[in-house]
Amino acid sequence: MRRLTVAVVIAAAAVVAACSSSVEPDGETTAPSSAVPSVGHGSFAYCLGQHGVPAPPGPVTEPPPGVDIETWNIAMAECSSLAPGPAE
């Protein structure tokens, strides 16, 4: 009976150790999903930033200080599909 108990404890420990691994099977790790927002909160601001326009909080209706109009127009054209709609 004692051998059975020891075997069960060892098997349980092995299962717990296997289930708690945080490394991908091939040894690679993945970036958190929040690293690059694709759609939703923050994606418009992220896109503007990728096109050289720092997006301050709140509505963006004109180029921020230090951003030329050409850079602004290009960023708005590239990122307009991610712009939030009107508040409901």
PDB file of N, CA and C in Angstrom:
ATOM      1  N   MET A   1       0.817  -1.186   0.000  1.00  0.00           N
ATOM      2  CA  MET A   1       0.000   0.000   0.000  1.00  0.00           C
ATOM      3  C   MET A   1       0.865   1.255   0.000  1.00  0.00           C
ATOM      4  N   ARG A   2       1.963   1.206   0.738  1.00  0.00           N
ATOM      5  CA  ARG A   2       2.853   2.355   0.829  1.00  0.00           C
ATOM      6  C   ARG A   2       3.476   2.656  -0.533  1.00  0.00           C
ATOM      7  N   ARG A   3       3.846   1.617  -1.298  1.00  0.00           N
ATOM      8  CA  ARG A   3       4.431   1.821  -2.628  1.00  0.00           C
ATOM      9  C   ARG A   3       3.422   2.483  -3.565  1.00  0.00           C
ATOM     10  N   LEU A   4       2.166   2.098  -3.460  1.00  0.00           N
ATOM     11  CA  LEU A   4       1.119   2.686  -4.292  1.00  0.00           C
ATOM     12  C   LEU A   4       0.964   4.174  -3.978  1.00  0.00           C
ATOM     13  N   THR A   5       0.995   4.529  -2.706  1.00  0.00           N
ATOM     14  CA  THR A   5       0.874   5.930  -2.298  1.00  0.00           C
ATOM     15  C   THR A   5       2.041   6.746  -2.843  1.00  0.00           C
ATOM     16  N   VAL A   6       3.246   6.220  -2.725  1.00  0.00           N
ATOM     17  CA  VAL A   6       4.429   6.911  -3.238  1.00  0.00           C
ATOM     18  C   VAL A   6       4.326   7.078  -4.750  1.00  0.00           C
ATOM     19  N   ALA A   7       3.876   6.056  -5.446  1.00  0.00           N
ATOM     20  CA  ALA A   7       3.741   6.126  -6.902  1.00  0.00           C
ATOM     21  C   ALA A   7       2.711   7.179  -7.309  1.00  0.00           C
ATOM     22  N   VAL A   8       1.609   7.258  -6.584  1.00  0.00           N
ATOM     23  CA  VAL A   8       0.569   8.252  -6.886  1.00  0.00           C
ATOM     24  C   VAL A   8       1.099   9.662  -6.646  1.00  0.00           C
ATOM     25  N   VAL A   9       1.822   9.872  -5.568  1.00  0.00           N
ATOM     26  CA  VAL A   9       2.384  11.191  -5.262  1.00  0.00           C
ATOM     27  C   VAL A   9       3.385  11.607  -6.339  1.00  0.00           C
ATOM     28  N   ILE A  10       4.234  10.699  -6.769  1.00  0.00           N
ATOM     29  CA  ILE A  10       5.218  11.007  -7.813  1.00  0.00           C
ATOM     30  C   ILE A  10       4.518  11.320  -9.133  1.00  0.00           C
ATOM     31  N   ALA A  11       3.507  10.551  -9.479  1.00  0.00           N
ATOM     32  CA  ALA A  11       2.764  10.793 -10.719  1.00  0.00           C
ATOM     33  C   ALA A  11       2.057  12.146 -10.673  1.00  0.00           C
ATOM     34  N   ALA A  12       1.466  12.479  -9.534  1.00  0.00           N
ATOM     35  CA  ALA A  12       0.782  13.766  -9.390  1.00  0.00           C
ATOM     36  C   ALA A  12       1.772  14.918  -9.517  1.00  0.00           C
ATOM     37  N   ALA A  13       2.946  14.768  -8.923  1.00  0.00           N
ATOM     38  CA  ALA A  13       3.967  15.812  -9.019  1.00  0.00           C
ATOM     39  C   ALA A  13       4.420  16.005 -10.463  1.00  0.00           C
ATOM     40  N   ALA A  14       4.541  14.918 -11.201  1.00  0.00           N
ATOM     41  CA  ALA A  14       4.947  15.009 -12.605  1.00  0.00           C
ATOM     42  C   ALA A  14       3.884  15.725 -13.438  1.00  0.00           C
ATOM     43  N   VAL A  15       2.620  15.439 -13.178  1.00  0.00           N
ATOM     44  CA  VAL A  15       1.527  16.087 -13.909  1.00  0.00           C
ATOM     45  C   VAL A  15       1.503  17.582 -13.608  1.00  0.00           C
ATOM     46  N   VAL A  16       1.641  17.949 -12.345  1.00  0.00           N
ATOM     47  CA  VAL A  16       1.645  19.365 -11.965  1.00  0.00           C
ATOM     48  C   VAL A  16       2.822  20.081 -12.615  1.00  0.00           C
ATOM     49  N   ALA A  17       3.982  19.484 -12.612  1.00  0.00           N
ATOM     50  CA  ALA A  17       5.159  20.105 -13.221  1.00  0.00           C
ATOM     51  C   ALA A  17       4.977  20.275 -14.723  1.00  0.00           C
ATOM     52  N   ALA A  18       4.394  19.310 -15.378  1.00  0.00           N
ATOM     53  CA  ALA A  18       4.191  19.386 -16.827  1.00  0.00           C
ATOM     54  C   ALA A  18       3.156  20.441 -17.188  1.00  0.00           C
ATOM     55  N   CYS A  19       2.135  20.586 -16.379  1.00  0.00           N
ATOM     56  CA  CYS A  19       1.067  21.545 -16.672  1.00  0.00           C
ATOM     57  C   CYS A  19       1.457  22.975 -16.356  1.00  0.00           C
ATOM     58  N   SER A  20       2.457  23.194 -15.546  1.00  0.00           N
ATOM     59  CA  SER A  20       2.810  24.550 -15.143  1.00  0.00           C
ATOM     60  C   SER A  20       3.911  25.160 -15.990  1.00  0.00           C
ATOM     61  N   SER A  21       4.364  24.485 -17.015  1.00  0.00           N
ATOM     62  CA  SER A  21       5.421  25.002 -17.873  1.00  0.00           C
ATOM     63  C   SER A  21       4.910  26.189 -18.670  1.00  0.00           C
ATOM     64  N   SER A  22       5.695  27.299 -18.723  1.00  0.00           N
ATOM     65  CA  SER A  22       5.279  28.488 -19.460  1.00  0.00           C
ATOM     66  C   SER A  22       6.047  28.654 -20.763  1.00  0.00           C
ATOM     67  N   VAL A  23       6.906  27.723 -21.104  1.00  0.00           N
ATOM     68  CA  VAL A  23       7.690  27.800 -22.331  1.00  0.00           C
ATOM     69  C   VAL A  23       6.950  27.065 -23.439  1.00  0.00           C
ATOM     70  N   GLU A  24       6.963  27.650 -24.634  1.00  0.00           N
ATOM     71  CA  GLU A  24       6.342  27.001 -25.782  1.00  0.00           C
ATOM     72  C   GLU A  24       7.071  25.692 -26.069  1.00  0.00           C
ATOM     73  N   PRO A  25       6.410  24.706 -26.657  1.00  0.00           N
ATOM     74  CA  PRO A  25       7.037  23.418 -26.923  1.00  0.00           C
ATOM     75  C   PRO A  25       8.310  23.517 -27.758  1.00  0.00           C
ATOM     76  N   ASP A  26       8.388  24.458 -28.687  1.00  0.00           N
ATOM     77  CA  ASP A  26       9.581  24.567 -29.515  1.00  0.00           C
ATOM     78  C   ASP A  26      10.638  25.470 -28.892  1.00  0.00           C
ATOM     79  N   GLY A  27      10.396  25.949 -27.662  1.00  0.00           N
ATOM     80  CA  GLY A  27      11.366  26.772 -26.965  1.00  0.00           C
ATOM     81  C   GLY A  27      11.211  28.256 -27.233  1.00  0.00           C
ATOM     82  N   GLU A  28      10.305  28.640 -28.119  1.00  0.00           N
ATOM     83  CA  GLU A  28      10.108  30.046 -28.412  1.00  0.00           C
ATOM     84  C   GLU A  28       8.999  30.599 -27.531  1.00  0.00           C
ATOM     85  N   THR A  29       9.081  31.889 -27.268  1.00  0.00           N
ATOM     86  CA  THR A  29       8.018  32.546 -26.527  1.00  0.00           C
ATOM     87  C   THR A  29       7.296  33.489 -27.465  1.00  0.00           C
ATOM     88  N   THR A  30       6.068  33.796 -27.143  1.00  0.00           N
ATOM     89  CA  THR A  30       5.296  34.701 -27.972  1.00  0.00           C
ATOM     90  C   THR A  30       5.123  36.023 -27.256  1.00  0.00           C
ATOM     91  N   ALA A  31       4.971  37.087 -28.032  1.00  0.00           N
ATOM     92  CA  ALA A  31       4.757  38.405 -27.460  1.00  0.00           C
ATOM     93  C   ALA A  31       3.335  38.485 -26.924  1.00  0.00           C
ATOM     94  N   PRO A  32       3.135  39.286 -25.886  1.00  0.00           N
ATOM     95  CA  PRO A  32       1.778  39.451 -25.395  1.00  0.00           C
ATOM     96  C   PRO A  32       0.890  40.053 -26.469  1.00  0.00           C
ATOM     97  N   SER A  33      -0.373  39.718 -26.442  1.00  0.00           N
ATOM     98  CA  SER A  33      -1.283  40.212 -27.467  1.00  0.00           C
ATOM     99  C   SER A  33      -1.443  41.717 -27.414  1.00  0.00           C
ATOM    100  N   SER A  34      -1.094  42.342 -26.303  1.00  0.00           N
ATOM    101  CA  SER A  34      -1.225  43.782 -26.198  1.00  0.00           C
ATOM    102  C   SER A  34      -0.042  44.530 -26.787  1.00  0.00           C
ATOM    103  N   ALA A  35       0.975  43.844 -27.279  1.00  0.00           N
ATOM    104  CA  ALA A  35       2.147  44.514 -27.823  1.00  0.00           C
ATOM    105  C   ALA A  35       1.807  45.369 -29.022  1.00  0.00           C
ATOM    106  N   VAL A  36       0.983  44.882 -29.901  1.00  0.00           N
ATOM    107  CA  VAL A  36       0.582  45.615 -31.088  1.00  0.00           C
ATOM    108  C   VAL A  36      -0.930  45.519 -31.216  1.00  0.00           C
ATOM    109  N   PRO A  37      -1.634  46.584 -30.830  1.00  0.00           N
ATOM    110  CA  PRO A  37      -3.080  46.509 -30.963  1.00  0.00           C
ATOM    111  C   PRO A  37      -3.486  46.486 -32.425  1.00  0.00           C
ATOM    112  N   SER A  38      -4.305  45.534 -32.834  1.00  0.00           N
ATOM    113  CA  SER A  38      -4.710  45.442 -34.232  1.00  0.00           C
ATOM    114  C   SER A  38      -5.993  46.208 -34.482  1.00  0.00           C
ATOM    115  N   VAL A  39      -6.955  46.053 -33.631  1.00  0.00           N
ATOM    116  CA  VAL A  39      -8.222  46.760 -33.752  1.00  0.00           C
ATOM    117  C   VAL A  39      -8.729  47.007 -32.344  1.00  0.00           C
ATOM    118  N   GLY A  40      -9.324  48.138 -32.130  1.00  0.00           N
ATOM    119  CA  GLY A  40      -9.889  48.413 -30.821  1.00  0.00           C
ATOM    120  C   GLY A  40      -9.156  49.532 -30.126  1.00  0.00           C
ATOM    121  N   HIS A  41      -9.312  49.574 -28.825  1.00  0.00           N
ATOM    122  CA  HIS A  41      -8.770  50.653 -28.018  1.00  0.00           C
ATOM    123  C   HIS A  41      -7.260  50.798 -28.218  1.00  0.00           C
ATOM    124  N   GLY A  42      -6.828  51.965 -28.620  1.00  0.00           N
ATOM    125  CA  GLY A  42      -5.408  52.244 -28.771  1.00  0.00           C
ATOM    126  C   GLY A  42      -4.835  51.964 -30.140  1.00  0.00           C
ATOM    127  N   SER A  43      -5.559  51.276 -31.008  1.00  0.00           N
ATOM    128  CA  SER A  43      -4.996  50.931 -32.315  1.00  0.00           C
ATOM    129  C   SER A  43      -4.813  52.155 -33.202  1.00  0.00           C
ATOM    130  N   PHE A  44      -5.727  53.115 -33.136  1.00  0.00           N
ATOM    131  CA  PHE A  44      -5.608  54.339 -33.931  1.00  0.00           C
ATOM    132  C   PHE A  44      -4.388  55.134 -33.477  1.00  0.00           C
ATOM    133  N   ALA A  45      -4.242  55.320 -32.171  1.00  0.00           N
ATOM    134  CA  ALA A  45      -3.092  56.053 -31.635  1.00  0.00           C
ATOM    135  C   ALA A  45      -1.788  55.337 -31.969  1.00  0.00           C
ATOM    136  N   TYR A  46      -1.791  54.019 -31.878  1.00  0.00           N
ATOM    137  CA  TYR A  46      -0.592  53.247 -32.209  1.00  0.00           C
ATOM    138  C   TYR A  46      -0.219  53.448 -33.675  1.00  0.00           C
ATOM    139  N   CYS A  47      -1.214  53.379 -34.557  1.00  0.00           N
ATOM    140  CA  CYS A  47      -0.977  53.558 -35.990  1.00  0.00           C
ATOM    141  C   CYS A  47      -0.418  54.950 -36.273  1.00  0.00           C
ATOM    142  N   LEU A  48      -1.015  55.975 -35.666  1.00  0.00           N
ATOM    143  CA  LEU A  48      -0.500  57.335 -35.863  1.00  0.00           C
ATOM    144  C   LEU A  48       0.963  57.416 -35.431  1.00  0.00           C
ATOM    145  N   GLY A  49       1.269  56.840 -34.282  1.00  0.00           N
ATOM    146  CA  GLY A  49       2.648  56.848 -33.790  1.00  0.00           C
ATOM    147  C   GLY A  49       3.603  56.145 -34.741  1.00  0.00           C
ATOM    148  N   GLN A  50       3.152  55.062 -35.366  1.00  0.00           N
ATOM    149  CA  GLN A  50       3.987  54.340 -36.330  1.00  0.00           C
ATOM    150  C   GLN A  50       4.237  55.167 -37.588  1.00  0.00           C
ATOM    151  N   HIS A  51       3.396  56.165 -37.822  1.00  0.00           N
ATOM    152  CA  HIS A  51       3.555  57.032 -38.992  1.00  0.00           C
ATOM    153  C   HIS A  51       4.111  58.405 -38.618  1.00  0.00           C
ATOM    154  N   GLY A  52       4.716  58.514 -37.444  1.00  0.00           N
ATOM    155  CA  GLY A  52       5.405  59.741 -37.054  1.00  0.00           C
ATOM    156  C   GLY A  52       4.547  60.806 -36.405  1.00  0.00           C
ATOM    157  N   VAL A  53       3.341  60.451 -35.982  1.00  0.00           N
ATOM    158  CA  VAL A  53       2.450  61.427 -35.352  1.00  0.00           C
ATOM    159  C   VAL A  53       2.135  60.962 -33.932  1.00  0.00           C
ATOM    160  N   PRO A  54       2.719  61.632 -32.928  1.00  0.00           N
ATOM    161  CA  PRO A  54       2.368  61.260 -31.558  1.00  0.00           C
ATOM    162  C   PRO A  54       0.923  61.661 -31.290  1.00  0.00           C
ATOM    163  N   ALA A  55       0.130  60.747 -30.784  1.00  0.00           N
ATOM    164  CA  ALA A  55      -1.292  61.014 -30.558  1.00  0.00           C
ATOM    165  C   ALA A  55      -1.536  61.340 -29.092  1.00  0.00           C
ATOM    166  N   PRO A  56      -1.877  62.592 -28.806  1.00  0.00           N
ATOM    167  CA  PRO A  56      -2.216  62.937 -27.426  1.00  0.00           C
ATOM    168  C   PRO A  56      -3.572  62.334 -27.063  1.00  0.00           C
ATOM    169  N   PRO A  57      -3.874  62.216 -25.784  1.00  0.00           N
ATOM    170  CA  PRO A  57      -5.175  61.680 -25.405  1.00  0.00           C
ATOM    171  C   PRO A  57      -6.305  62.601 -25.870  1.00  0.00           C
ATOM    172  N   GLY A  58      -7.431  62.017 -26.145  1.00  0.00           N
ATOM    173  CA  GLY A  58      -8.588  62.796 -26.569  1.00  0.00           C
ATOM    174  C   GLY A  58      -8.721  62.832 -28.077  1.00  0.00           C
ATOM    175  N   PRO A  59      -9.709  63.576 -28.562  1.00  0.00           N
ATOM    176  CA  PRO A  59      -9.936  63.659 -30.006  1.00  0.00           C
ATOM    177  C   PRO A  59      -8.748  64.292 -30.729  1.00  0.00           C
ATOM    178  N   VAL A  60      -8.437  63.778 -31.897  1.00  0.00           N
ATOM    179  CA  VAL A  60      -7.337  64.299 -32.706  1.00  0.00           C
ATOM    180  C   VAL A  60      -7.953  64.925 -33.949  1.00  0.00           C
ATOM    181  N   THR A  61      -7.868  66.256 -34.051  1.00  0.00           N
ATOM    182  CA  THR A  61      -8.484  66.946 -35.184  1.00  0.00           C
ATOM    183  C   THR A  61      -7.496  67.739 -36.020  1.00  0.00           C
ATOM    184  N   GLU A  62      -6.289  67.917 -35.512  1.00  0.00           N
ATOM    185  CA  GLU A  62      -5.266  68.653 -36.255  1.00  0.00           C
ATOM    186  C   GLU A  62      -3.896  68.137 -35.852  1.00  0.00           C
ATOM    187  N   PRO A  63      -2.878  68.430 -36.671  1.00  0.00           N
ATOM    188  CA  PRO A  63      -1.536  67.933 -36.333  1.00  0.00           C
ATOM    189  C   PRO A  63      -1.068  68.486 -34.992  1.00  0.00           C
ATOM    190  N   PRO A  64      -0.473  67.639 -34.166  1.00  0.00           N
ATOM    191  CA  PRO A  64       0.096  68.142 -32.916  1.00  0.00           C
ATOM    192  C   PRO A  64       1.310  69.021 -33.219  1.00  0.00           C
ATOM    193  N   PRO A  65       1.724  69.847 -32.278  1.00  0.00           N
ATOM    194  CA  PRO A  65       2.897  70.701 -32.494  1.00  0.00           C
ATOM    195  C   PRO A  65       4.112  69.878 -32.917  1.00  0.00           C
ATOM    196  N   GLY A  66       4.816  70.370 -33.932  1.00  0.00           N
ATOM    197  CA  GLY A  66       6.023  69.713 -34.412  1.00  0.00           C
ATOM    198  C   GLY A  66       5.800  68.711 -35.527  1.00  0.00           C
ATOM    199  N   VAL A  67       4.548  68.476 -35.933  1.00  0.00           N
ATOM    200  CA  VAL A  67       4.252  67.529 -37.009  1.00  0.00           C
ATOM    201  C   VAL A  67       3.795  68.320 -38.231  1.00  0.00           C
ATOM    202  N   ASP A  68       4.501  68.134 -39.358  1.00  0.00           N
ATOM    203  CA  ASP A  68       4.135  68.869 -40.569  1.00  0.00           C
ATOM    204  C   ASP A  68       2.857  68.299 -41.179  1.00  0.00           C
ATOM    205  N   ILE A  69       2.193  69.115 -41.974  1.00  0.00           N
ATOM    206  CA  ILE A  69       0.891  68.753 -42.530  1.00  0.00           C
ATOM    207  C   ILE A  69       0.964  67.543 -43.455  1.00  0.00           C
ATOM    208  N   GLU A  70       2.070  67.383 -44.194  1.00  0.00           N
ATOM    209  CA  GLU A  70       2.202  66.228 -45.093  1.00  0.00           C
ATOM    210  C   GLU A  70       2.260  64.923 -44.297  1.00  0.00           C
ATOM    211  N   THR A  71       3.056  64.901 -43.231  1.00  0.00           N
ATOM    212  CA  THR A  71       3.134  63.717 -42.367  1.00  0.00           C
ATOM    213  C   THR A  71       1.770  63.425 -41.754  1.00  0.00           C
ATOM    214  N   TRP A  72       1.084  64.473 -41.316  1.00  0.00           N
ATOM    215  CA  TRP A  72      -0.259  64.336 -40.745  1.00  0.00           C
ATOM    216  C   TRP A  72      -1.227  63.707 -41.741  1.00  0.00           C
ATOM    217  N   ASN A  73      -1.243  64.235 -42.965  1.00  0.00           N
ATOM    218  CA  ASN A  73      -2.172  63.732 -43.985  1.00  0.00           C
ATOM    219  C   ASN A  73      -1.903  62.268 -44.329  1.00  0.00           C
ATOM    220  N   ILE A  74      -0.635  61.906 -44.443  1.00  0.00           N
ATOM    221  CA  ILE A  74      -0.283  60.511 -44.742  1.00  0.00           C
ATOM    222  C   ILE A  74      -0.730  59.599 -43.596  1.00  0.00           C
ATOM    223  N   ALA A  75      -0.439  60.002 -42.364  1.00  0.00           N
ATOM    224  CA  ALA A  75      -0.823  59.189 -41.201  1.00  0.00           C
ATOM    225  C   ALA A  75      -2.336  59.040 -41.112  1.00  0.00           C
ATOM    226  N   MET A  76      -3.059  60.117 -41.342  1.00  0.00           N
ATOM    227  CA  MET A  76      -4.523  60.044 -41.270  1.00  0.00           C
ATOM    228  C   MET A  76      -5.080  59.143 -42.371  1.00  0.00           C
ATOM    229  N   ALA A  77      -4.494  59.208 -43.566  1.00  0.00           N
ATOM    230  CA  ALA A  77      -4.960  58.348 -44.660  1.00  0.00           C
ATOM    231  C   ALA A  77      -4.703  56.875 -44.338  1.00  0.00           C
ATOM    232  N   GLU A  78      -3.544  56.569 -43.783  1.00  0.00           N
ATOM    233  CA  GLU A  78      -3.186  55.183 -43.464  1.00  0.00           C
ATOM    234  C   GLU A  78      -3.966  54.632 -42.266  1.00  0.00           C
ATOM    235  N   CYS A  79      -4.329  55.501 -41.325  1.00  0.00           N
ATOM    236  CA  CYS A  79      -4.909  55.036 -40.062  1.00  0.00           C
ATOM    237  C   CYS A  79      -6.402  55.310 -39.925  1.00  0.00           C
ATOM    238  N   SER A  80      -7.009  55.930 -40.910  1.00  0.00           N
ATOM    239  CA  SER A  80      -8.411  56.344 -40.768  1.00  0.00           C
ATOM    240  C   SER A  80      -9.359  55.171 -40.511  1.00  0.00           C
ATOM    241  N   SER A  81      -9.044  53.998 -41.019  1.00  0.00           N
ATOM    242  CA  SER A  81      -9.932  52.849 -40.792  1.00  0.00           C
ATOM    243  C   SER A  81      -9.942  52.411 -39.327  1.00  0.00           C
ATOM    244  N   LEU A  82      -8.956  52.850 -38.549  1.00  0.00           N
ATOM    245  CA  LEU A  82      -8.870  52.485 -37.135  1.00  0.00           C
ATOM    246  C   LEU A  82      -9.423  53.568 -36.215  1.00  0.00           C
ATOM    247  N   ALA A  83      -9.793  54.721 -36.795  1.00  0.00           N
ATOM    248  CA  ALA A  83     -10.276  55.844 -35.987  1.00  0.00           C
ATOM    249  C   ALA A  83     -11.575  55.468 -35.283  1.00  0.00           C
ATOM    250  N   PRO A  84     -11.701  55.871 -34.021  1.00  0.00           N
ATOM    251  CA  PRO A  84     -12.942  55.578 -33.305  1.00  0.00           C
ATOM    252  C   PRO A  84     -14.096  56.391 -33.873  1.00  0.00           C
ATOM    253  N   GLY A  85     -15.278  55.849 -33.779  1.00  0.00           N
ATOM    254  CA  GLY A  85     -16.473  56.547 -34.242  1.00  0.00           C
ATOM    255  C   GLY A  85     -16.977  57.511 -33.182  1.00  0.00           C
ATOM    256  N   PRO A  86     -18.081  58.176 -33.465  1.00  0.00           N
ATOM    257  CA  PRO A  86     -18.640  59.106 -32.480  1.00  0.00           C
ATOM    258  C   PRO A  86     -19.135  58.365 -31.240  1.00  0.00           C
ATOM    259  N   ALA A  87     -19.082  59.060 -30.130  1.00  0.00           N
ATOM    260  CA  ALA A  87     -19.557  58.462 -28.875  1.00  0.00           C
ATOM    261  C   ALA A  87     -21.058  58.246 -28.952  1.00  0.00           C
ATOM    262  N   GLU A  88     -21.500  57.139 -28.423  1.00  0.00           N
ATOM    263  CA  GLU A  88     -22.941  56.837 -28.463  1.00  0.00           C
ATOM    264  C   GLU A  88     -23.595  57.167 -27.159  1.00  0.00           C
TER     265      GLU A  88
END
